[in-house]
Amino acid sequence: MKVCHITTVHAYNDIRIFVKECQSLAAAGNEVHLVAPNAPTERINGVFVHGIPKGKGNRLVRVTKTVRAVYKKAVEIDADVYHFHDPELILIGTKLKSSGKKVIYDVHEDVPLQIFRKKYIPYYLRKPLSMIVDLFEKNTSRMFDLIVCATPHISEKFEKYNTERISIRNYPKIEKIVESSKSNIHKRNDVCYIGGLSAGRGLYTMEEAIHYTSCSLNLAGVFFNQVDKARFIDDKTEKVKYLGYLERKEINDLLKDSLAGLVVLEGSEAFKYSLPVKMFEYMSAGIPVICSDFPLWREIIEKHKCGFCVDPKDAKAIGAAINYLNDNPEEAEQMGRNGRSAVETEYNWETESEKLINAYNNLFNQTNIKEVYKNENSNARSI
């Protein structure tokens, strides 16, 4: 198949889009193209990348000029299957579908819920705008050949609108799994958090929690606002260390040296039904997880006995979990091994990629069947 992935929001080297989906499809023998803003125009790891200038200015510019440029390039590529990743491309998806192409909508997030939480939107507009987007997204989804959903919760939203759905989760690649070279007995008593840094993602609760322990906290990622960044960069207590944005090798080194990984996100609806990549990265690195006590996350942690679930707003409970792991290194090490085993057997991208490739093959086979049927009818009429 000739496949074209398109995005106006994500970077061309986005982990889900480029590293996982595009490269997996290319490795399976497909000709894969990716159209993305501000990308180099070259072939990278088997994927033909096409860069589109990202319009400068506000969001309106992005959803007009950039979308038109992406659509123009996508049409030029003339693919068999188009796979788009942003809700602002829904109308582009319908145009491609009406031209006879196979079209896939990849839903990364619960978009209506995201809109309801956007602080830059006036509060009185959030609910009606969220409802409008919800209806629009669900009803237009009927047109598409496949809805790819990042979580089962997102898939359930489209249940009444499109029966062709599949959950493709953002699990880590087995080949990227890091293995700790140290036992917990010989590790430093540091815990870590990797990812976006904000109050809603437990930043200040983690800071408070670490002061109930004899351990230190390493933060790696990008701050969502400058006030938080200034505070943590200026921290002189040595209990909390901001390491900045780390590359993959640096993250691996951090995980290998850590006692445990934290993912204590607040109890918003968006977080409760998510499957955070960082949680599975901690598990893949063979370190225990201390996470928010959400039903979906609790099911994973308790099933595999690979960490603790805590109230994400209870700093003392988080601190107690850290202390327990620090005081019981052999048990902590067993939890780490359990998590790693779970990723190797269940929570890995290789399993998810097989589902994605099979779904693509089904689309291709359906197209071939229709072509054969059309040719047979044409031959019958000529006879």
Protein backbone atom coordinates (compact mmCIF):
# COMPACT_ATOMS: atom_id res chain seq x y z
CA MET A 1 0.00 0.00 0.00
CA LYS A 2 0.91 3.62 -0.49
CA VAL A 3 0.15 5.26 2.85
CA CYS A 4 0.12 8.93 3.82
CA HIS A 5 0.02 10.14 7.43
CA ILE A 6 -0.84 13.81 7.89
CA THR A 7 -0.63 16.17 10.86
CA THR A 8 -0.69 19.92 11.42
CA VAL A 9 -0.14 19.82 15.19
CA HIS A 10 2.51 17.21 15.96
CA ALA A 11 6.22 17.32 15.21
CA TYR A 12 7.34 15.10 12.35
CA ASN A 13 9.33 12.89 14.76
CA ASP A 14 6.39 12.39 17.13
CA ILE A 15 6.80 9.05 18.94
CA ARG A 16 3.32 7.68 18.20
CA ILE A 17 3.04 8.92 14.62
CA PHE A 18 6.56 8.64 13.21
CA VAL A 19 8.57 6.27 15.40
CA LYS A 20 5.81 3.76 16.06
CA GLU A 21 3.09 3.87 13.40
CA CYS A 22 4.91 5.12 10.29
CA GLN A 23 8.08 3.10 10.82
CA SER A 24 6.13 -0.07 11.64
CA LEU A 25 4.05 0.27 8.48
CA ALA A 26 7.19 0.91 6.41
CA ALA A 27 8.93 -2.11 7.93
CA ALA A 28 5.91 -4.20 6.89
CA GLY A 29 6.60 -3.37 3.24
CA ASN A 30 4.35 -0.37 2.65
CA GLU A 31 5.37 2.88 0.96
CA VAL A 32 4.83 5.34 3.80
CA HIS A 33 4.71 9.14 3.55
CA LEU A 34 4.36 11.66 6.37
CA VAL A 35 3.26 15.27 5.85
CA ALA A 36 4.03 17.46 8.86
CA PRO A 37 4.82 21.12 9.64
CA ASN A 38 8.43 22.28 9.80
CA ALA A 39 9.77 18.85 8.87
CA PRO A 40 12.82 18.08 6.70
CA THR A 41 11.88 16.83 3.24
CA GLU A 42 13.81 13.58 3.04
CA ARG A 43 13.52 9.85 3.60
CA ILE A 44 14.11 8.97 7.26
CA ASN A 45 14.16 5.38 8.56
CA GLY A 46 12.21 4.18 5.55
CA VAL A 47 9.56 6.93 5.73
CA PHE A 48 9.22 9.68 3.09
CA VAL A 49 8.87 12.87 5.15
CA HIS A 50 7.41 16.02 3.55
CA GLY A 51 7.84 19.34 5.35
CA ILE A 52 5.17 22.04 5.26
CA PRO A 53 5.88 25.57 6.53
CA LYS A 54 3.91 26.14 9.72
CA GLY A 55 2.02 29.41 9.53
CA LYS A 56 3.17 32.02 11.98
CA GLY A 57 0.64 33.59 14.30
CA ASN A 58 -2.37 32.27 16.18
CA ARG A 59 -4.35 29.05 16.00
CA LEU A 60 -6.56 30.44 13.25
CA VAL A 61 -3.54 30.65 10.95
CA ARG A 62 -2.69 27.01 11.68
CA VAL A 63 -6.19 25.78 10.90
CA THR A 64 -6.34 27.71 7.63
CA LYS A 65 -3.01 28.16 5.82
CA THR A 66 -1.24 25.14 7.30
CA VAL A 67 -4.22 22.84 6.78
CA ARG A 68 -4.52 23.94 3.13
CA ALA A 69 -0.80 23.35 2.56
CA VAL A 70 -0.95 19.90 4.15
CA TYR A 71 -4.00 18.97 2.06
CA LYS A 72 -2.33 20.11 -1.18
CA LYS A 73 0.74 18.00 -0.47
CA ALA A 74 -1.37 15.01 0.57
CA VAL A 75 -3.27 15.12 -2.72
CA GLU A 76 0.00 15.32 -4.67
CA ILE A 77 1.22 12.14 -2.97
CA ASP A 78 -1.90 10.30 -4.21
CA ALA A 79 -1.86 7.56 -1.58
CA ASP A 80 -4.17 4.57 -1.26
CA VAL A 81 -4.76 5.22 2.44
CA TYR A 82 -4.72 8.54 4.33
CA HIS A 83 -4.23 8.48 8.09
CA PHE A 84 -4.77 11.82 9.85
CA HIS A 85 -4.02 12.67 13.48
CA ASP A 86 -5.69 15.99 14.35
CA PRO A 87 -9.36 16.95 14.76
CA GLU A 88 -8.79 20.09 12.71
CA LEU A 89 -8.15 17.78 9.74
CA ILE A 90 -11.57 16.11 9.90
CA LEU A 91 -12.94 18.12 6.97
CA ILE A 92 -9.80 17.31 4.98
CA GLY A 93 -10.45 13.66 5.80
CA THR A 94 -14.00 13.88 4.45
CA LYS A 95 -12.71 15.48 1.21
CA LEU A 96 -10.17 12.70 0.73
CA LYS A 97 -12.86 10.11 1.43
CA SER A 98 -15.24 11.66 -1.09
CA SER A 99 -12.48 11.38 -3.72
CA GLY A 100 -12.49 7.61 -3.27
CA LYS A 101 -9.59 7.19 -0.84
CA LYS A 102 -9.43 5.03 2.28
CA VAL A 103 -9.29 7.33 5.31
CA ILE A 104 -8.30 6.63 8.93
CA TYR A 105 -8.86 9.01 11.84
CA ASP A 106 -6.35 8.53 14.67
CA VAL A 107 -7.84 9.91 17.90
CA HIS A 108 -5.05 10.61 20.40
CA GLU A 109 -7.11 12.43 23.02
CA ASP A 110 -10.67 13.01 24.23
CA VAL A 111 -10.98 16.28 22.24
CA PRO A 112 -14.29 17.58 23.68
CA LEU A 113 -12.97 17.05 27.21
CA GLN A 114 -9.76 18.85 26.28
CA ILE A 115 -11.73 21.84 25.03
CA PHE A 116 -13.73 21.94 28.26
CA ARG A 117 -10.43 22.25 30.18
CA LYS A 118 -8.82 24.93 27.97
CA LYS A 119 -8.22 27.97 30.18
CA TYR A 120 -7.79 30.34 27.23
CA ILE A 121 -11.42 29.70 26.24
CA PRO A 122 -13.91 31.82 28.27
CA TYR A 123 -15.57 29.56 30.83
CA TYR A 124 -19.12 30.24 29.61
CA LEU A 125 -18.15 29.07 26.10
CA ARG A 126 -16.39 25.85 27.07
CA LYS A 127 -19.43 23.61 27.60
CA PRO A 128 -21.38 24.59 24.44
CA LEU A 129 -18.21 24.51 22.32
CA SER A 130 -17.26 21.12 23.77
CA MET A 131 -20.73 19.73 22.96
CA ILE A 132 -20.61 21.06 19.38
CA VAL A 133 -17.20 19.53 18.76
CA ASP A 134 -18.34 16.25 20.33
CA LEU A 135 -21.34 15.97 17.99
CA PHE A 136 -19.30 17.04 14.95
CA GLU A 137 -16.49 14.56 15.64
CA LYS A 138 -18.83 11.63 16.27
CA ASN A 139 -21.09 12.24 13.28
CA THR A 140 -18.29 12.79 10.78
CA SER A 141 -16.56 9.65 12.08
CA ARG A 142 -19.25 7.61 10.28
CA MET A 143 -17.57 8.48 6.97
CA PHE A 144 -14.14 7.08 7.77
CA ASP A 145 -12.96 3.55 7.06
CA LEU A 146 -11.31 3.12 10.46
CA ILE A 147 -11.09 4.95 13.78
CA VAL A 148 -7.79 4.31 15.56
CA CYS A 149 -8.06 5.14 19.28
CA ALA A 150 -5.24 5.64 21.76
CA THR A 151 -7.31 4.18 24.65
CA PRO A 152 -10.35 1.91 25.10
CA HIS A 153 -12.21 4.87 26.67
CA ILE A 154 -11.87 6.89 23.46
CA SER A 155 -12.98 3.86 21.43
CA GLU A 156 -16.16 3.56 23.49
CA LYS A 157 -17.12 7.14 22.55
CA PHE A 158 -17.45 6.15 18.89
CA GLU A 159 -19.23 2.84 19.52
CA LYS A 160 -22.62 4.01 18.16
CA TYR A 161 -21.13 5.88 15.21
CA ASN A 162 -18.55 3.62 13.60
CA THR A 163 -18.16 -0.11 14.06
CA GLU A 164 -14.71 -0.07 12.44
CA ARG A 165 -12.62 0.88 15.47
CA ILE A 166 -9.41 -0.36 17.00
CA SER A 167 -7.48 0.62 20.12
CA ILE A 168 -3.77 1.14 19.43
CA ARG A 169 -2.10 2.00 22.72
CA ASN A 170 1.13 3.93 23.20
CA TYR A 171 3.09 1.11 24.77
CA PRO A 172 6.92 1.20 24.59
CA LYS A 173 8.89 -0.64 21.94
CA ILE A 174 10.65 -3.72 23.28
CA GLU A 175 13.82 -2.74 21.40
CA LYS A 176 13.82 0.55 23.35
CA ILE A 177 13.47 -1.12 26.74
CA VAL A 178 16.29 -0.33 29.11
CA GLU A 179 17.49 -2.84 31.64
CA SER A 180 18.85 -1.69 34.94
CA SER A 181 22.43 -2.80 35.51
CA LYS A 182 22.07 -2.31 39.24
CA SER A 183 20.05 -4.07 41.90
CA ASN A 184 17.93 -1.86 44.13
CA ILE A 185 20.31 -2.57 46.99
CA HIS A 186 23.07 -0.65 45.19
CA LYS A 187 20.98 2.19 43.73
CA ARG A 188 20.91 5.75 44.92
CA ASN A 189 17.75 6.55 46.86
CA ASP A 190 16.43 8.83 44.11
CA VAL A 191 12.97 8.70 42.56
CA CYS A 192 12.13 10.29 39.24
CA TYR A 193 9.41 11.83 37.12
CA ILE A 194 9.68 12.25 33.34
CA GLY A 195 7.21 14.22 31.24
CA GLY A 196 5.31 17.49 31.20
CA LEU A 197 5.73 19.51 34.41
CA SER A 198 2.72 21.30 35.89
CA ALA A 199 0.59 21.47 39.03
CA GLY A 200 -2.07 19.28 37.38
CA ARG A 201 0.54 16.61 36.77
CA GLY A 202 1.47 16.46 40.44
CA LEU A 203 4.46 18.79 40.42
CA TYR A 204 3.86 20.48 43.78
CA THR A 205 2.52 17.34 45.45
CA MET A 206 5.68 15.47 44.46
CA GLU A 207 7.76 18.32 45.85
CA GLU A 208 5.93 18.15 49.17
CA ALA A 209 6.04 14.35 49.26
CA ILE A 210 9.80 14.10 48.86
CA HIS A 211 10.30 16.12 52.06
CA TYR A 212 8.64 13.27 54.01
CA THR A 213 11.46 10.99 52.87
CA SER A 214 15.22 10.67 53.00
CA CYS A 215 15.24 10.46 49.20
CA SER A 216 15.58 13.06 46.47
CA LEU A 217 13.39 13.71 43.42
CA ASN A 218 14.72 14.09 39.87
CA LEU A 219 12.47 15.92 37.40
CA ALA A 220 13.00 15.60 33.65
CA GLY A 221 10.85 17.29 31.05
CA VAL A 222 9.37 20.61 30.01
CA PHE A 223 7.59 23.09 32.30
CA PHE A 224 4.21 24.33 31.11
CA ASN A 225 4.76 27.80 32.57
CA GLN A 226 7.75 29.95 33.46
CA VAL A 227 6.70 30.63 37.08
CA ASP A 228 6.98 26.93 37.96
CA LYS A 229 10.24 26.63 36.05
CA ALA A 230 11.84 29.55 37.89
CA ARG A 231 10.85 28.11 41.25
CA PHE A 232 12.30 24.67 40.67
CA ILE A 233 15.46 25.85 38.96
CA ASP A 234 16.16 28.05 41.98
CA ASP A 235 15.52 25.24 44.46
CA LYS A 236 18.62 24.95 46.67
CA THR A 237 17.45 22.17 48.99
CA GLU A 238 18.97 19.36 46.90
CA LYS A 239 15.77 17.41 47.57
CA VAL A 240 14.36 18.31 44.15
CA LYS A 241 16.63 18.44 41.09
CA TYR A 242 15.48 19.70 37.71
CA LEU A 243 17.47 17.95 34.99
CA GLY A 244 15.92 19.71 32.00
CA TYR A 245 14.73 18.05 28.81
CA LEU A 246 16.61 14.78 28.36
CA GLU A 247 17.37 12.81 25.22
CA ARG A 248 16.55 9.11 25.07
CA LYS A 249 19.93 7.86 26.29
CA GLU A 250 19.88 10.30 29.20
CA ILE A 251 16.38 9.15 30.15
CA ASN A 252 17.55 5.54 30.07
CA ASP A 253 20.46 6.37 32.37
CA LEU A 254 18.12 8.20 34.76
CA LEU A 255 15.70 5.28 34.92
CA LYS A 256 18.46 2.75 35.50
CA ASP A 257 19.65 4.68 38.55
CA SER A 258 16.20 5.41 40.03
CA LEU A 259 14.57 3.68 42.97
CA ALA A 260 11.07 4.24 41.49
CA GLY A 261 9.14 6.30 38.95
CA LEU A 262 6.29 8.65 39.84
CA VAL A 263 3.15 9.34 37.82
CA VAL A 264 0.80 11.01 40.31
CA LEU A 265 -1.41 13.01 37.94
CA GLU A 266 -4.47 14.77 39.35
CA GLY A 267 -7.87 13.14 39.17
CA SER A 268 -9.25 14.90 36.08
CA GLU A 269 -11.37 12.90 33.64
CA ALA A 270 -8.71 13.29 30.95
CA PHE A 271 -6.07 11.63 33.13
CA LYS A 272 -8.30 8.93 34.66
CA TYR A 273 -8.88 7.23 31.32
CA SER A 274 -5.41 7.77 29.86
CA LEU A 275 -2.60 5.25 29.55
CA PRO A 276 0.50 7.35 30.33
CA VAL A 277 3.57 6.29 28.38
CA LYS A 278 5.80 7.17 31.33
CA MET A 279 4.17 4.49 33.49
CA PHE A 280 5.09 1.78 30.99
CA GLU A 281 8.56 3.24 30.54
CA TYR A 282 9.13 2.90 34.28
CA MET A 283 7.91 -0.69 34.12
CA SER A 284 10.07 -1.44 31.09
CA ALA A 285 13.12 -0.12 32.94
CA GLY A 286 12.47 -2.56 35.77
CA ILE A 287 11.65 0.01 38.46
CA PRO A 288 8.51 0.14 40.64
CA VAL A 289 5.73 2.58 39.78
CA ILE A 290 4.03 4.95 42.24
CA CYS A 291 0.91 6.19 40.48
CA SER A 292 -2.49 7.79 40.98
CA ASP A 293 -5.17 5.46 42.29
CA PHE A 294 -7.34 5.47 39.15
CA PRO A 295 -9.32 2.27 38.40
CA LEU A 296 -7.63 1.65 35.03
CA TRP A 297 -4.14 2.16 36.46
CA ARG A 298 -4.91 0.20 39.64
CA GLU A 299 -5.97 -2.79 37.53
CA ILE A 300 -2.55 -2.85 35.83
CA ILE A 301 -0.46 -2.25 38.97
CA GLU A 302 -2.32 -4.77 41.13
CA LYS A 303 -2.49 -7.41 38.41
CA HIS A 304 1.28 -7.39 37.97
CA LYS A 305 2.32 -6.36 41.51
CA CYS A 306 4.67 -3.73 40.14
CA GLY A 307 4.17 -0.74 42.44
CA PHE A 308 1.75 1.28 44.55
CA CYS A 309 -1.42 3.24 43.80
CA VAL A 310 -1.91 6.34 45.98
CA ASP A 311 -4.19 9.34 46.33
CA PRO A 312 -2.46 11.84 43.99
CA LYS A 313 -3.28 14.73 46.33
CA ASP A 314 -1.93 13.03 49.47
CA ALA A 315 1.74 13.98 49.72
CA LYS A 316 2.22 11.93 52.89
CA ALA A 317 0.89 8.78 51.19
CA ILE A 318 3.25 9.33 48.26
CA GLY A 319 6.12 9.85 50.70
CA ALA A 320 5.18 6.68 52.59
CA ALA A 321 5.26 4.64 49.36
CA ILE A 322 8.72 6.01 48.54
CA ASN A 323 9.97 5.21 52.06
CA TYR A 324 8.63 1.66 51.86
CA LEU A 325 10.50 0.99 48.61
CA ASN A 326 13.65 2.55 50.01
CA ASP A 327 13.43 0.46 53.19
CA ASN A 328 12.62 -2.78 51.36
CA PRO A 329 15.02 -2.95 48.39
CA GLU A 330 14.51 -6.65 47.66
CA GLU A 331 10.73 -6.25 47.43
CA ALA A 332 11.19 -3.11 45.33
CA GLU A 333 13.47 -5.05 43.01
CA GLN A 334 10.86 -7.81 42.61
CA MET A 335 8.20 -5.21 41.76
CA GLY A 336 10.55 -3.85 39.10
CA ARG A 337 11.06 -7.31 37.62
CA ASN A 338 7.30 -7.88 37.59
CA GLY A 339 6.72 -4.64 35.69
CA ARG A 340 9.40 -5.42 33.15
CA SER A 341 7.97 -8.89 32.56
CA ALA A 342 4.52 -7.37 32.01
CA VAL A 343 5.87 -5.02 29.35
CA GLU A 344 7.78 -7.80 27.60
CA THR A 345 4.69 -10.01 27.39
CA GLU A 346 1.75 -7.60 27.17
CA TYR A 347 2.30 -3.84 27.24
CA ASN A 348 4.61 -3.38 24.25
CA TRP A 349 4.42 -1.67 20.88
CA GLU A 350 5.27 -4.81 18.93
CA THR A 351 1.90 -6.30 19.95
CA GLU A 352 0.08 -3.07 19.06
CA SER A 353 1.86 -2.73 15.71
CA GLU A 354 0.62 -6.16 14.65
CA LYS A 355 -2.94 -4.97 15.26
CA LEU A 356 -2.33 -1.82 13.22
CA ILE A 357 -0.76 -3.69 10.30
CA ASN A 358 -3.59 -6.25 10.27
CA ALA A 359 -6.15 -3.42 10.21
CA TYR A 360 -4.36 -1.87 7.22
CA ASN A 361 -4.25 -5.23 5.43
CA ASN A 362 -7.99 -5.63 5.97
CA LEU A 363 -8.58 -2.24 4.35
CA PHE A 364 -6.40 -3.21 1.40
CA ASN A 365 -8.12 -6.57 0.99
CA GLN A 366 -11.54 -4.89 1.03
CA THR A 367 -10.39 -2.58 -1.75
CA ASN A 368 -9.09 -5.52 -3.82
CA ILE A 369 -12.37 -7.41 -3.40
CA LYS A 370 -14.35 -4.39 -4.61
CA GLU A 371 -12.03 -3.98 -7.61
CA VAL A 372 -12.45 -7.65 -8.56
CA TYR A 373 -16.22 -7.37 -8.18
CA LYS A 374 -16.31 -4.21 -10.31
CA ASN A 375 -14.16 -5.83 -13.04
CA GLU A 376 -16.32 -8.96 -13.05
CA ASN A 377 -19.48 -6.87 -13.48
CA SER A 378 -17.83 -4.87 -16.25
CA ASN A 379 -16.83 -8.07 -18.07
CA ALA A 380 -20.33 -9.51 -17.67
CA ARG A 381 -21.89 -6.39 -19.20
CA SER A 382 -19.47 -6.47 -22.15
CA ILE A 383 -20.38 -10.12 -22.83
